[in-house]
């Protein structure tokens, strides 16, 4: 399921390497909402990239 947002940040600040990720929520592969705090105390890897064929 592709993730889409109706929110955008223009001129947002780039995170420093090793800094904590900001809190966010997104649907999982079954459509259930999960948030970053659901994984508190666990190691996770976050990975995302711009949609193919778009600038960025």
C-alpha atoms as a PDB file:
ATOM      1  CA  UNK A   1       0.000   0.000   0.000  1.00  0.00           C
ATOM      2  CA  UNK A   2       1.636   3.274  -1.071  1.00  0.00           C
ATOM      3  CA  UNK A   3       1.856   5.931   1.612  1.00  0.00           C
ATOM      4  CA  UNK A   4       0.484   9.335   0.734  1.00  0.00           C
ATOM      5  CA  UNK A   5       0.237  12.486   2.788  1.00  0.00           C
ATOM      6  CA  UNK A   6      -1.923  15.543   2.499  1.00  0.00           C
ATOM      7  CA  UNK A   7       0.671  17.460   4.526  1.00  0.00           C
ATOM      8  CA  UNK A   8       3.896  18.911   3.212  1.00  0.00           C
ATOM      9  CA  UNK A   9       6.789  20.781   4.724  1.00  0.00           C
ATOM     10  CA  UNK A  10       8.480  23.384   2.591  1.00  0.00           C
ATOM     11  CA  UNK A  11      11.928  24.393   3.684  1.00  0.00           C
ATOM     12  CA  UNK A  12      11.989  21.770   6.422  1.00  0.00           C
ATOM     13  CA  UNK A  13      15.196  21.210   8.344  1.00  0.00           C
ATOM     14  CA  UNK A  14      17.277  18.159   7.446  1.00  0.00           C
ATOM     15  CA  UNK A  15      17.805  15.805  10.375  1.00  0.00           C
ATOM     16  CA  UNK A  16      21.330  15.334  11.635  1.00  0.00           C
ATOM     17  CA  UNK A  17      22.723  11.809  11.345  1.00  0.00           C
ATOM     18  CA  UNK A  18      22.110   9.929  14.590  1.00  0.00           C
ATOM     19  CA  UNK A  19      19.402  12.305  15.815  1.00  0.00           C
ATOM     20  CA  UNK A  20      16.055  10.906  16.971  1.00  0.00           C
ATOM     21  CA  UNK A  21      13.375  10.609  14.306  1.00  0.00           C
ATOM     22  CA  UNK A  22      10.341  12.865  14.718  1.00  0.00           C
ATOM     23  CA  UNK A  23       7.114  11.200  15.843  1.00  0.00           C
ATOM     24  CA  UNK A  24       4.862  10.063  13.005  1.00  0.00           C
ATOM     25  CA  UNK A  25       2.115   7.570  12.189  1.00  0.00           C
ATOM     26  CA  UNK A  26       1.518   5.635   8.977  1.00  0.00           C
ATOM     27  CA  UNK A  27      -0.588   2.684   7.845  1.00  0.00           C
ATOM     28  CA  UNK A  28       1.051  -0.753   7.808  1.00  0.00           C
ATOM     29  CA  UNK A  29       0.612  -3.289   5.010  1.00  0.00           C
ATOM     30  CA  UNK A  30      -2.839  -4.174   6.407  1.00  0.00           C
ATOM     31  CA  UNK A  31      -4.039  -0.574   6.719  1.00  0.00           C
ATOM     32  CA  UNK A  32      -3.658  -0.456  10.521  1.00  0.00           C
ATOM     33  CA  UNK A  33      -2.135   2.768  11.822  1.00  0.00           C
ATOM     34  CA  UNK A  34       1.189   2.363  13.608  1.00  0.00           C
ATOM     35  CA  UNK A  35       3.324   5.086  15.127  1.00  0.00           C
ATOM     36  CA  UNK A  36       7.000   5.377  15.825  1.00  0.00           C
ATOM     37  CA  UNK A  37       6.322   5.267  19.568  1.00  0.00           C
ATOM     38  CA  UNK A  38       4.816   1.754  19.096  1.00  0.00           C
ATOM     39  CA  UNK A  39       8.436   0.624  18.716  1.00  0.00           C
ATOM     40  CA  UNK A  40       9.806   2.467  21.748  1.00  0.00           C
ATOM     41  CA  UNK A  41      12.824   0.660  23.209  1.00  0.00           C
ATOM     42  CA  UNK A  42      13.361  -1.419  20.049  1.00  0.00           C
ATOM     43  CA  UNK A  43      15.881  -1.012  17.255  1.00  0.00           C
ATOM     44  CA  UNK A  44      14.271  -0.155  13.930  1.00  0.00           C
ATOM     45  CA  UNK A  45      15.521   1.041  10.550  1.00  0.00           C
ATOM     46  CA  UNK A  46      13.636   3.777   8.710  1.00  0.00           C
ATOM     47  CA  UNK A  47      14.056   3.956   4.965  1.00  0.00           C
ATOM     48  CA  UNK A  48      12.197   5.981   2.404  1.00  0.00           C
ATOM     49  CA  UNK A  49      12.857   7.649  -0.899  1.00  0.00           C
ATOM     50  CA  UNK A  50      11.062  10.040  -3.252  1.00  0.00           C
ATOM     51  CA  UNK A  51       8.507   8.555  -5.589  1.00  0.00           C
ATOM     52  CA  UNK A  52      10.072   7.363  -8.851  1.00  0.00           C
ATOM     53  CA  UNK A  53      10.214   9.910 -11.677  1.00  0.00           C
ATOM     54  CA  UNK A  54       9.817  12.927  -9.387  1.00  0.00           C
ATOM     55  CA  UNK A  55      12.337  15.626  -8.561  1.00  0.00           C
ATOM     56  CA  UNK A  56      13.997  15.035  -5.222  1.00  0.00           C
END
